Amino acid sequence: RVTLAAEPLLPLVFHGSPLTEVIEDIQPYTQRRIVVDATAAEFQYSGIVKREDVDAWIRDLPSIYPVTLIDCQSSRSRIGIAACADPTFIVIRSRADQYKSTLRSALR
């Protein structure tokens, strides 16, 4: 019986892809479910995602985009967030809306 070596995981390559499409492509490589809010879905990504480093890539999203990650498993703020109905979710939420709300409050 011949055992073939495991095929190396090739990275996923994106060029100007909407964040929602990137998340769809990487979803099979993480045990967490990822939810992207509508404003964050507008961001586009160009780059490489290593399949074995998907979770690290997700954690690094706030350094790439103005987003906040809400880990529904450990976040105290998940109460009141409809997307956190399932604790396995990670919610990617745009900070742009938060800044707009803060600015509106400051101008009043």
PDB file of N, CA and C in Angstrom:
ATOM      1  N   ARG A   1       0.848  -1.179   0.000  1.00  0.00           N
ATOM      2  CA  ARG A   1       0.000   0.000   0.000  1.00  0.00           C
ATOM      3  C   ARG A   1       0.889   1.237   0.000  1.00  0.00           C
ATOM      4  N   VAL A   2       0.580   2.159  -0.882  1.00  0.00           N
ATOM      5  CA  VAL A   2       1.369   3.385  -1.016  1.00  0.00           C
ATOM      6  C   VAL A   2       0.605   4.528  -0.358  1.00  0.00           C
ATOM      7  N   THR A   3       1.280   5.253   0.515  1.00  0.00           N
ATOM      8  CA  THR A   3       0.678   6.407   1.164  1.00  0.00           C
ATOM      9  C   THR A   3       1.267   7.664   0.553  1.00  0.00           C
ATOM     10  N   LEU A   4       0.419   8.488   0.004  1.00  0.00           N
ATOM     11  CA  LEU A   4       0.880   9.736  -0.583  1.00  0.00           C
ATOM     12  C   LEU A   4       0.994  10.797   0.495  1.00  0.00           C
ATOM     13  N   ALA A   5       2.020  11.602   0.366  1.00  0.00           N
ATOM     14  CA  ALA A   5       2.191  12.706   1.319  1.00  0.00           C
ATOM     15  C   ALA A   5       1.027  13.671   1.149  1.00  0.00           C
ATOM     16  N   ALA A   6       0.632  14.278   2.248  1.00  0.00           N
ATOM     17  CA  ALA A   6      -0.467  15.248   2.184  1.00  0.00           C
ATOM     18  C   ALA A   6      -0.083  16.390   1.260  1.00  0.00           C
ATOM     19  N   GLU A   7      -1.011  16.777   0.421  1.00  0.00           N
ATOM     20  CA  GLU A   7      -0.773  17.889  -0.495  1.00  0.00           C
ATOM     21  C   GLU A   7      -0.667  19.176   0.314  1.00  0.00           C
ATOM     22  N   PRO A   8       0.356  19.976   0.029  1.00  0.00           N
ATOM     23  CA  PRO A   8       0.479  21.228   0.798  1.00  0.00           C
ATOM     24  C   PRO A   8      -0.712  22.138   0.510  1.00  0.00           C
ATOM     25  N   LEU A   9      -1.091  22.875   1.523  1.00  0.00           N
ATOM     26  CA  LEU A   9      -2.209  23.807   1.355  1.00  0.00           C
ATOM     27  C   LEU A   9      -1.726  25.036   0.597  1.00  0.00           C
ATOM     28  N   LEU A  10      -2.300  25.256  -0.559  1.00  0.00           N
ATOM     29  CA  LEU A  10      -1.944  26.427  -1.347  1.00  0.00           C
ATOM     30  C   LEU A  10      -2.697  27.630  -0.805  1.00  0.00           C
ATOM     31  N   PRO A  11      -2.056  28.796  -0.788  1.00  0.00           N
ATOM     32  CA  PRO A  11      -2.753  29.982  -0.273  1.00  0.00           C
ATOM     33  C   PRO A  11      -3.863  30.414  -1.215  1.00  0.00           C
ATOM     34  N   LEU A  12      -4.827  31.107  -0.642  1.00  0.00           N
ATOM     35  CA  LEU A  12      -5.916  31.693  -1.421  1.00  0.00           C
ATOM     36  C   LEU A  12      -5.474  33.093  -1.832  1.00  0.00           C
ATOM     37  N   VAL A  13      -5.626  33.426  -3.103  1.00  0.00           N
ATOM     38  CA  VAL A  13      -5.176  34.710  -3.630  1.00  0.00           C
ATOM     39  C   VAL A  13      -6.391  35.518  -4.075  1.00  0.00           C
ATOM     40  N   PHE A  14      -6.436  36.784  -3.651  1.00  0.00           N
ATOM     41  CA  PHE A  14      -7.560  37.657  -3.955  1.00  0.00           C
ATOM     42  C   PHE A  14      -7.052  38.956  -4.571  1.00  0.00           C
ATOM     43  N   HIS A  15      -7.813  39.484  -5.505  1.00  0.00           N
ATOM     44  CA  HIS A  15      -7.472  40.766  -6.117  1.00  0.00           C
ATOM     45  C   HIS A  15      -8.749  41.606  -6.218  1.00  0.00           C
ATOM     46  N   GLY A  16      -8.876  42.574  -5.332  1.00  0.00           N
ATOM     47  CA  GLY A  16     -10.045  43.456  -5.349  1.00  0.00           C
ATOM     48  C   GLY A  16     -11.351  42.741  -5.079  1.00  0.00           C
ATOM     49  N   SER A  17     -11.300  41.708  -4.261  1.00  0.00           N
ATOM     50  CA  SER A  17     -12.504  40.920  -3.960  1.00  0.00           C
ATOM     51  C   SER A  17     -13.264  41.533  -2.794  1.00  0.00           C
ATOM     52  N   PRO A  18     -14.592  41.583  -2.890  1.00  0.00           N
ATOM     53  CA  PRO A  18     -15.384  42.057  -1.746  1.00  0.00           C
ATOM     54  C   PRO A  18     -15.107  41.186  -0.519  1.00  0.00           C
ATOM     55  N   LEU A  19     -15.083  41.818   0.637  1.00  0.00           N
ATOM     56  CA  LEU A  19     -14.779  41.094   1.870  1.00  0.00           C
ATOM     57  C   LEU A  19     -15.720  39.912   2.075  1.00  0.00           C
ATOM     58  N   THR A  20     -16.970  40.050   1.691  1.00  0.00           N
ATOM     59  CA  THR A  20     -17.916  38.944   1.862  1.00  0.00           C
ATOM     60  C   THR A  20     -17.502  37.729   1.039  1.00  0.00           C
ATOM     61  N   GLU A  21     -16.984  37.940  -0.166  1.00  0.00           N
ATOM     62  CA  GLU A  21     -16.523  36.815  -0.987  1.00  0.00           C
ATOM     63  C   GLU A  21     -15.285  36.163  -0.380  1.00  0.00           C
ATOM     64  N   VAL A  22     -14.390  36.973   0.157  1.00  0.00           N
ATOM     65  CA  VAL A  22     -13.195  36.431   0.812  1.00  0.00           C
ATOM     66  C   VAL A  22     -13.613  35.569   1.996  1.00  0.00           C
ATOM     67  N   ILE A  23     -14.537  36.074   2.792  1.00  0.00           N
ATOM     68  CA  ILE A  23     -15.011  35.324   3.957  1.00  0.00           C
ATOM     69  C   ILE A  23     -15.652  34.009   3.517  1.00  0.00           C
ATOM     70  N   GLU A  24     -16.442  34.029   2.447  1.00  0.00           N
ATOM     71  CA  GLU A  24     -17.047  32.788   1.943  1.00  0.00           C
ATOM     72  C   GLU A  24     -15.974  31.769   1.574  1.00  0.00           C
ATOM     73  N   ASP A  25     -14.892  32.240   0.951  1.00  0.00           N
ATOM     74  CA  ASP A  25     -13.827  31.338   0.518  1.00  0.00           C
ATOM     75  C   ASP A  25     -13.011  30.772   1.676  1.00  0.00           C
ATOM     76  N   ILE A  26     -12.840  31.571   2.737  1.00  0.00           N
ATOM     77  CA  ILE A  26     -12.026  31.090   3.859  1.00  0.00           C
ATOM     78  C   ILE A  26     -12.847  30.356   4.918  1.00  0.00           C
ATOM     79  N   GLN A  27     -14.160  30.500   4.875  1.00  0.00           N
ATOM     80  CA  GLN A  27     -15.030  29.885   5.892  1.00  0.00           C
ATOM     81  C   GLN A  27     -14.748  28.400   6.123  1.00  0.00           C
ATOM     82  N   PRO A  28     -14.500  27.590   5.096  1.00  0.00           N
ATOM     83  CA  PRO A  28     -14.249  26.161   5.331  1.00  0.00           C
ATOM     84  C   PRO A  28     -12.971  25.869   6.139  1.00  0.00           C
ATOM     85  N   TYR A  29     -12.113  26.875   6.300  1.00  0.00           N
ATOM     86  CA  TYR A  29     -10.831  26.648   6.968  1.00  0.00           C
ATOM     87  C   TYR A  29     -10.799  27.146   8.410  1.00  0.00           C
ATOM     88  N   THR A  30     -11.960  27.483   8.949  1.00  0.00           N
ATOM     89  CA  THR A  30     -12.058  27.871  10.349  1.00  0.00           C
ATOM     90  C   THR A  30     -13.285  27.199  10.961  1.00  0.00           C
ATOM     91  N   GLN A  31     -13.229  26.957  12.255  1.00  0.00           N
ATOM     92  CA  GLN A  31     -14.360  26.323  12.935  1.00  0.00           C
ATOM     93  C   GLN A  31     -15.398  27.348  13.370  1.00  0.00           C
ATOM     94  N   ARG A  32     -15.056  28.624  13.271  1.00  0.00           N
ATOM     95  CA  ARG A  32     -15.976  29.685  13.663  1.00  0.00           C
ATOM     96  C   ARG A  32     -16.791  30.131  12.464  1.00  0.00           C
ATOM     97  N   ARG A  33     -18.013  30.590  12.721  1.00  0.00           N
ATOM     98  CA  ARG A  33     -18.848  31.170  11.664  1.00  0.00           C
ATOM     99  C   ARG A  33     -18.582  32.675  11.668  1.00  0.00           C
ATOM    100  N   ILE A  34     -18.402  33.227  10.500  1.00  0.00           N
ATOM    101  CA  ILE A  34     -18.058  34.637  10.384  1.00  0.00           C
ATOM    102  C   ILE A  34     -19.228  35.382   9.755  1.00  0.00           C
ATOM    103  N   VAL A  35     -19.633  36.461  10.413  1.00  0.00           N
ATOM    104  CA  VAL A  35     -20.735  37.300   9.940  1.00  0.00           C
ATOM    105  C   VAL A  35     -20.149  38.683   9.664  1.00  0.00           C
ATOM    106  N   VAL A  36     -20.438  39.225   8.491  1.00  0.00           N
ATOM    107  CA  VAL A  36     -19.936  40.548   8.104  1.00  0.00           C
ATOM    108  C   VAL A  36     -21.115  41.496   7.998  1.00  0.00           C
ATOM    109  N   ASP A  37     -21.042  42.645   8.702  1.00  0.00           N
ATOM    110  CA  ASP A  37     -22.149  43.589   8.588  1.00  0.00           C
ATOM    111  C   ASP A  37     -22.121  44.261   7.215  1.00  0.00           C
ATOM    112  N   ALA A  38     -23.219  44.883   6.847  1.00  0.00           N
ATOM    113  CA  ALA A  38     -23.387  45.424   5.489  1.00  0.00           C
ATOM    114  C   ALA A  38     -22.335  46.474   5.137  1.00  0.00           C
ATOM    115  N   THR A  39     -21.967  47.332   6.077  1.00  0.00           N
ATOM    116  CA  THR A  39     -20.983  48.375   5.781  1.00  0.00           C
ATOM    117  C   THR A  39     -19.599  47.781   5.579  1.00  0.00           C
ATOM    118  N   ALA A  40     -19.221  46.820   6.412  1.00  0.00           N
ATOM    119  CA  ALA A  40     -17.911  46.175   6.264  1.00  0.00           C
ATOM    120  C   ALA A  40     -17.855  45.326   4.999  1.00  0.00           C
ATOM    121  N   ALA A  41     -18.991  44.849   4.544  1.00  0.00           N
ATOM    122  CA  ALA A  41     -19.033  44.017   3.336  1.00  0.00           C
ATOM    123  C   ALA A  41     -18.576  44.792   2.106  1.00  0.00           C
ATOM    124  N   GLU A  42     -18.616  46.115   2.169  1.00  0.00           N
ATOM    125  CA  GLU A  42     -18.221  46.945   1.035  1.00  0.00           C
ATOM    126  C   GLU A  42     -16.708  46.999   0.835  1.00  0.00           C
ATOM    127  N   PHE A  43     -15.930  46.645   1.858  1.00  0.00           N
ATOM    128  CA  PHE A  43     -14.476  46.692   1.742  1.00  0.00           C
ATOM    129  C   PHE A  43     -13.994  45.645   0.742  1.00  0.00           C
ATOM    130  N   GLN A  44     -12.916  45.984   0.026  1.00  0.00           N
ATOM    131  CA  GLN A  44     -12.338  45.046  -0.926  1.00  0.00           C
ATOM    132  C   GLN A  44     -10.966  44.620  -0.440  1.00  0.00           C
ATOM    133  N   TYR A  45     -10.612  43.372  -0.732  1.00  0.00           N
ATOM    134  CA  TYR A  45      -9.344  42.817  -0.274  1.00  0.00           C
ATOM    135  C   TYR A  45      -8.513  42.327  -1.453  1.00  0.00           C
ATOM    136  N   SER A  46      -7.251  42.693  -1.443  1.00  0.00           N
ATOM    137  CA  SER A  46      -6.269  42.161  -2.383  1.00  0.00           C
ATOM    138  C   SER A  46      -5.129  41.617  -1.549  1.00  0.00           C
ATOM    139  N   GLY A  47      -4.812  40.370  -1.753  1.00  0.00           N
ATOM    140  CA  GLY A  47      -3.722  39.770  -1.000  1.00  0.00           C
ATOM    141  C   GLY A  47      -3.854  38.264  -0.936  1.00  0.00           C
ATOM    142  N   ILE A  48      -3.072  37.693  -0.050  1.00  0.00           N
ATOM    143  CA  ILE A  48      -2.998  36.241   0.101  1.00  0.00           C
ATOM    144  C   ILE A  48      -3.472  35.867   1.499  1.00  0.00           C
ATOM    145  N   VAL A  49      -4.229  34.787   1.582  1.00  0.00           N
ATOM    146  CA  VAL A  49      -4.632  34.225   2.873  1.00  0.00           C
ATOM    147  C   VAL A  49      -4.162  32.778   2.882  1.00  0.00           C
ATOM    148  N   LYS A  50      -3.294  32.455   3.834  1.00  0.00           N
ATOM    149  CA  LYS A  50      -2.849  31.069   3.977  1.00  0.00           C
ATOM    150  C   LYS A  50      -3.953  30.285   4.662  1.00  0.00           C
ATOM    151  N   ARG A  51      -4.320  29.172   4.087  1.00  0.00           N
ATOM    152  CA  ARG A  51      -5.425  28.374   4.632  1.00  0.00           C
ATOM    153  C   ARG A  51      -5.174  27.949   6.073  1.00  0.00           C
ATOM    154  N   GLU A  52      -3.928  27.671   6.396  1.00  0.00           N
ATOM    155  CA  GLU A  52      -3.615  27.225   7.753  1.00  0.00           C
ATOM    156  C   GLU A  52      -3.564  28.393   8.747  1.00  0.00           C
ATOM    157  N   ASP A  53      -3.624  29.630   8.251  1.00  0.00           N
ATOM    158  CA  ASP A  53      -3.563  30.815   9.115  1.00  0.00           C
ATOM    159  C   ASP A  53      -4.818  31.674   9.051  1.00  0.00           C
ATOM    160  N   VAL A  54      -5.938  31.077   8.666  1.00  0.00           N
ATOM    161  CA  VAL A  54      -7.182  31.830   8.505  1.00  0.00           C
ATOM    162  C   VAL A  54      -7.577  32.533   9.798  1.00  0.00           C
ATOM    163  N   ASP A  55      -7.495  31.852  10.930  1.00  0.00           N
ATOM    164  CA  ASP A  55      -7.911  32.477  12.190  1.00  0.00           C
ATOM    165  C   ASP A  55      -7.042  33.683  12.529  1.00  0.00           C
ATOM    166  N   ALA A  56      -5.749  33.596  12.255  1.00  0.00           N
ATOM    167  CA  ALA A  56      -4.851  34.732  12.488  1.00  0.00           C
ATOM    168  C   ALA A  56      -5.192  35.885  11.542  1.00  0.00           C
ATOM    169  N   TRP A  57      -5.519  35.557  10.286  1.00  0.00           N
ATOM    170  CA  TRP A  57      -5.894  36.588   9.317  1.00  0.00           C
ATOM    171  C   TRP A  57      -7.152  37.319   9.788  1.00  0.00           C
ATOM    172  N   ILE A  58      -8.113  36.571  10.291  1.00  0.00           N
ATOM    173  CA  ILE A  58      -9.349  37.189  10.791  1.00  0.00           C
ATOM    174  C   ILE A  58      -9.033  38.132  11.951  1.00  0.00           C
ATOM    175  N   ARG A  59      -8.193  37.676  12.890  1.00  0.00           N
ATOM    176  CA  ARG A  59      -7.828  38.530  14.036  1.00  0.00           C
ATOM    177  C   ARG A  59      -7.103  39.799  13.601  1.00  0.00           C
ATOM    178  N   ASP A  60      -6.421  39.746  12.451  1.00  0.00           N
ATOM    179  CA  ASP A  60      -5.670  40.907  11.956  1.00  0.00           C
ATOM    180  C   ASP A  60      -6.513  41.890  11.143  1.00  0.00           C
ATOM    181  N   LEU A  61      -7.754  41.570  10.849  1.00  0.00           N
ATOM    182  CA  LEU A  61      -8.591  42.454  10.027  1.00  0.00           C
ATOM    183  C   LEU A  61      -8.668  43.887  10.558  1.00  0.00           C
ATOM    184  N   PRO A  62      -8.738  44.119  11.882  1.00  0.00           N
ATOM    185  CA  PRO A  62      -8.784  45.507  12.354  1.00  0.00           C
ATOM    186  C   PRO A  62      -7.520  46.311  12.039  1.00  0.00           C
ATOM    187  N   SER A  63      -6.417  45.643  11.705  1.00  0.00           N
ATOM    188  CA  SER A  63      -5.220  46.392  11.309  1.00  0.00           C
ATOM    189  C   SER A  63      -5.236  46.710   9.818  1.00  0.00           C
ATOM    190  N   ILE A  64      -6.144  46.080   9.070  1.00  0.00           N
ATOM    191  CA  ILE A  64      -6.264  46.312   7.635  1.00  0.00           C
ATOM    192  C   ILE A  64      -7.411  47.277   7.334  1.00  0.00           C
ATOM    193  N   TYR A  65      -8.518  47.110   8.040  1.00  0.00           N
ATOM    194  CA  TYR A  65      -9.748  47.867   7.790  1.00  0.00           C
ATOM    195  C   TYR A  65     -10.240  48.523   9.080  1.00  0.00           C
ATOM    196  N   PRO A  66     -11.077  49.555   8.943  1.00  0.00           N
ATOM    197  CA  PRO A  66     -11.681  50.148  10.144  1.00  0.00           C
ATOM    198  C   PRO A  66     -12.859  49.284  10.615  1.00  0.00           C
ATOM    199  N   VAL A  67     -12.536  48.121  11.176  1.00  0.00           N
ATOM    200  CA  VAL A  67     -13.554  47.196  11.656  1.00  0.00           C
ATOM    201  C   VAL A  67     -13.259  46.797  13.086  1.00  0.00           C
ATOM    202  N   THR A  68     -14.296  46.325  13.724  1.00  0.00           N
ATOM    203  CA  THR A  68     -14.208  45.746  15.053  1.00  0.00           C
ATOM    204  C   THR A  68     -14.632  44.294  14.938  1.00  0.00           C
ATOM    205  N   LEU A  69     -13.909  43.407  15.604  1.00  0.00           N
ATOM    206  CA  LEU A  69     -14.303  41.999  15.659  1.00  0.00           C
ATOM    207  C   LEU A  69     -15.008  41.754  16.975  1.00  0.00           C
ATOM    208  N   ILE A  70     -16.168  41.164  16.898  1.00  0.00           N
ATOM    209  CA  ILE A  70     -16.905  40.801  18.108  1.00  0.00           C
ATOM    210  C   ILE A  70     -16.924  39.283  18.169  1.00  0.00           C
ATOM    211  N   ASP A  71     -16.230  38.748  19.161  1.00  0.00           N
ATOM    212  CA  ASP A  71     -16.187  37.301  19.363  1.00  0.00           C
ATOM    213  C   ASP A  71     -17.379  36.949  20.243  1.00  0.00           C
ATOM    214  N   CYS A  72     -18.407  36.379  19.656  1.00  0.00           N
ATOM    215  CA  CYS A  72     -19.649  36.098  20.380  1.00  0.00           C
ATOM    216  C   CYS A  72     -19.453  35.060  21.477  1.00  0.00           C
ATOM    217  N   GLN A  73     -18.379  34.312  21.409  1.00  0.00           N
ATOM    218  CA  GLN A  73     -18.106  33.297  22.415  1.00  0.00           C
ATOM    219  C   GLN A  73     -17.614  33.919  23.722  1.00  0.00           C
ATOM    220  N   SER A  74     -16.856  35.003  23.605  1.00  0.00           N
ATOM    221  CA  SER A  74     -16.254  35.565  24.808  1.00  0.00           C
ATOM    222  C   SER A  74     -16.635  37.007  25.080  1.00  0.00           C
ATOM    223  N   SER A  75     -17.352  37.640  24.179  1.00  0.00           N
ATOM    224  CA  SER A  75     -17.647  39.054  24.321  1.00  0.00           C
ATOM    225  C   SER A  75     -18.813  39.302  25.267  1.00  0.00           C
ATOM    226  N   ARG A  76     -18.600  40.224  26.183  1.00  0.00           N
ATOM    227  CA  ARG A  76     -19.692  40.648  27.065  1.00  0.00           C
ATOM    228  C   ARG A  76     -20.701  41.488  26.293  1.00  0.00           C
ATOM    229  N   SER A  77     -20.211  42.116  25.203  1.00  0.00           N
ATOM    230  CA  SER A  77     -21.088  42.994  24.428  1.00  0.00           C
ATOM    231  C   SER A  77     -22.009  42.227  23.494  1.00  0.00           C
ATOM    232  N   ARG A  78     -21.918  40.892  23.494  1.00  0.00           N
ATOM    233  CA  ARG A  78     -22.767  40.120  22.572  1.00  0.00           C
ATOM    234  C   ARG A  78     -24.243  40.236  22.925  1.00  0.00           C
ATOM    235  N   ILE A  79     -24.521  40.559  24.193  1.00  0.00           N
ATOM    236  CA  ILE A  79     -25.907  40.761  24.584  1.00  0.00           C
ATOM    237  C   ILE A  79     -26.401  42.017  23.867  1.00  0.00           C
ATOM    238  N   GLY A  80     -27.492  41.899  23.186  1.00  0.00           N
ATOM    239  CA  GLY A  80     -28.015  43.032  22.433  1.00  0.00           C
ATOM    240  C   GLY A  80     -27.541  43.065  20.988  1.00  0.00           C
ATOM    241  N   ILE A  81     -26.679  42.147  20.605  1.00  0.00           N
ATOM    242  CA  ILE A  81     -26.226  42.060  19.221  1.00  0.00           C
ATOM    243  C   ILE A  81     -26.937  40.877  18.594  1.00  0.00           C
ATOM    244  N   ALA A  82     -27.852  41.152  17.707  1.00  0.00           N
ATOM    245  CA  ALA A  82     -28.665  40.088  17.107  1.00  0.00           C
ATOM    246  C   ALA A  82     -27.811  39.036  16.416  1.00  0.00           C
ATOM    247  N   ALA A  83     -26.698  39.455  15.802  1.00  0.00           N
ATOM    248  CA  ALA A  83     -25.840  38.504  15.090  1.00  0.00           C
ATOM    249  C   ALA A  83     -25.160  37.528  16.038  1.00  0.00           C
ATOM    250  N   CYS A  84     -25.154  37.814  17.328  1.00  0.00           N
ATOM    251  CA  CYS A  84     -24.504  36.941  18.300  1.00  0.00           C
ATOM    252  C   CYS A  84     -25.469  35.928  18.908  1.00  0.00           C
ATOM    253  N   ALA A  85     -26.527  35.619  18.218  1.00  0.00           N
ATOM    254  CA  ALA A  85     -27.463  34.606  18.712  1.00  0.00           C
ATOM    255  C   ALA A  85     -26.766  33.262  18.874  1.00  0.00           C
ATOM    256  N   ASP A  86     -25.755  33.006  18.065  1.00  0.00           N
ATOM    257  CA  ASP A  86     -24.965  31.784  18.133  1.00  0.00           C
ATOM    258  C   ASP A  86     -23.581  32.148  18.658  1.00  0.00           C
ATOM    259  N   PRO A  87     -23.145  31.564  19.780  1.00  0.00           N
ATOM    260  CA  PRO A  87     -21.849  31.934  20.356  1.00  0.00           C
ATOM    261  C   PRO A  87     -20.641  31.525  19.518  1.00  0.00           C
ATOM    262  N   THR A  88     -20.827  30.724  18.475  1.00  0.00           N
ATOM    263  CA  THR A  88     -19.688  30.358  17.626  1.00  0.00           C
ATOM    264  C   THR A  88     -19.381  31.437  16.590  1.00  0.00           C
ATOM    265  N   PHE A  89     -20.208  32.465  16.507  1.00  0.00           N
ATOM    266  CA  PHE A  89     -20.021  33.507  15.504  1.00  0.00           C
ATOM    267  C   PHE A  89     -18.914  34.481  15.884  1.00  0.00           C
ATOM    268  N   ILE A  90     -18.274  35.009  14.860  1.00  0.00           N
ATOM    269  CA  ILE A  90     -17.418  36.182  14.968  1.00  0.00           C
ATOM    270  C   ILE A  90     -18.061  37.209  14.049  1.00  0.00           C
ATOM    271  N   VAL A  91     -18.375  38.358  14.592  1.00  0.00           N
ATOM    272  CA  VAL A  91     -19.032  39.408  13.817  1.00  0.00           C
ATOM    273  C   VAL A  91     -17.986  40.449  13.435  1.00  0.00           C
ATOM    274  N   ILE A  92     -17.930  40.768  12.146  1.00  0.00           N
ATOM    275  CA  ILE A  92     -17.047  41.818  11.656  1.00  0.00           C
ATOM    276  C   ILE A  92     -17.931  43.028  11.421  1.00  0.00           C
ATOM    277  N   ARG A  93     -17.702  44.055  12.230  1.00  0.00           N
ATOM    278  CA  ARG A  93     -18.555  45.246  12.202  1.00  0.00           C
ATOM    279  C   ARG A  93     -17.705  46.470  11.841  1.00  0.00           C
ATOM    280  N   SER A  94     -18.189  47.279  10.927  1.00  0.00           N
ATOM    281  CA  SER A  94     -17.476  48.474  10.511  1.00  0.00           C
ATOM    282  C   SER A  94     -17.447  49.505  11.635  1.00  0.00           C
ATOM    283  N   ARG A  95     -16.289  50.131  11.817  1.00  0.00           N
ATOM    284  CA  ARG A  95     -16.185  51.220  12.799  1.00  0.00           C
ATOM    285  C   ARG A  95     -16.645  52.530  12.193  1.00  0.00           C
ATOM    286  N   ALA A  96     -16.810  52.595  10.883  1.00  0.00           N
ATOM    287  CA  ALA A  96     -17.236  53.837  10.216  1.00  0.00           C
ATOM    288  C   ALA A  96     -18.573  54.307  10.760  1.00  0.00           C
ATOM    289  N   ASP A  97     -19.518  53.382  10.962  1.00  0.00           N
ATOM    290  CA  ASP A  97     -20.825  53.758  11.512  1.00  0.00           C
ATOM    291  C   ASP A  97     -20.695  54.263  12.937  1.00  0.00           C
ATOM    292  N   GLN A  98     -19.780  53.672  13.707  1.00  0.00           N
ATOM    293  CA  GLN A  98     -19.586  54.117  15.088  1.00  0.00           C
ATOM    294  C   GLN A  98     -19.067  55.545  15.104  1.00  0.00           C
ATOM    295  N   TYR A  99     -18.121  55.874  14.184  1.00  0.00           N
ATOM    296  CA  TYR A  99     -17.578  57.219  14.124  1.00  0.00           C
ATOM    297  C   TYR A  99     -18.647  58.223  13.711  1.00  0.00           C
ATOM    298  N   LYS A 100     -19.509  57.856  12.766  1.00  0.00           N
ATOM    299  CA  LYS A 100     -20.582  58.741  12.335  1.00  0.00           C
ATOM    300  C   LYS A 100     -21.524  59.035  13.491  1.00  0.00           C
ATOM    301  N   SER A 101     -21.865  58.018  14.278  1.00  0.00           N
ATOM    302  CA  SER A 101     -22.760  58.204  15.423  1.00  0.00           C
ATOM    303  C   SER A 101     -22.114  59.114  16.460  1.00  0.00           C
ATOM    304  N   THR A 102     -20.828  58.911  16.713  1.00  0.00           N
ATOM    305  CA  THR A 102     -20.107  59.732  17.686  1.00  0.00           C
ATOM    306  C   THR A 102     -20.054  61.175  17.213  1.00  0.00           C
ATOM    307  N   LEU A 103     -19.799  61.379  15.919  1.00  0.00           N
ATOM    308  CA  LEU A 103     -19.728  62.726  15.368  1.00  0.00           C
ATOM    309  C   LEU A 103     -21.084  63.406  15.461  1.00  0.00           C
ATOM    310  N   ARG A 104     -22.150  62.693  15.126  1.00  0.00           N
ATOM    311  CA  ARG A 104     -23.485  63.273  15.224  1.00  0.00           C
ATOM    312  C   ARG A 104     -23.779  63.685  16.660  1.00  0.00           C
ATOM    313  N   SER A 105     -23.416  62.844  17.630  1.00  0.00           N
ATOM    314  CA  SER A 105     -23.657  63.158  19.041  1.00  0.00           C
ATOM    315  C   SER A 105     -22.858  64.378  19.469  1.00  0.00           C
ATOM    316  N   ALA A 106     -21.625  64.497  18.970  1.00  0.00           N
ATOM    317  CA  ALA A 106     -20.771  65.606  19.359  1.00  0.00           C
ATOM    318  C   ALA A 106     -21.265  66.928  18.761  1.00  0.00           C
ATOM    319  N   LEU A 107     -21.920  66.852  17.614  1.00  0.00           N
ATOM    320  CA  LEU A 107     -22.385  68.072  16.953  1.00  0.00           C
ATOM    321  C   LEU A 107     -23.696  68.599  17.543  1.00  0.00           C
ATOM    322  N   ARG A 108     -24.352  67.803  18.332  1.00  0.00           N
ATOM    323  CA  ARG A 108     -25.636  68.239  18.912  1.00  0.00           C
ATOM    324  C   ARG A 108     -25.444  69.191  20.032  1.00  0.00           C
TER     325      ARG A 108
END
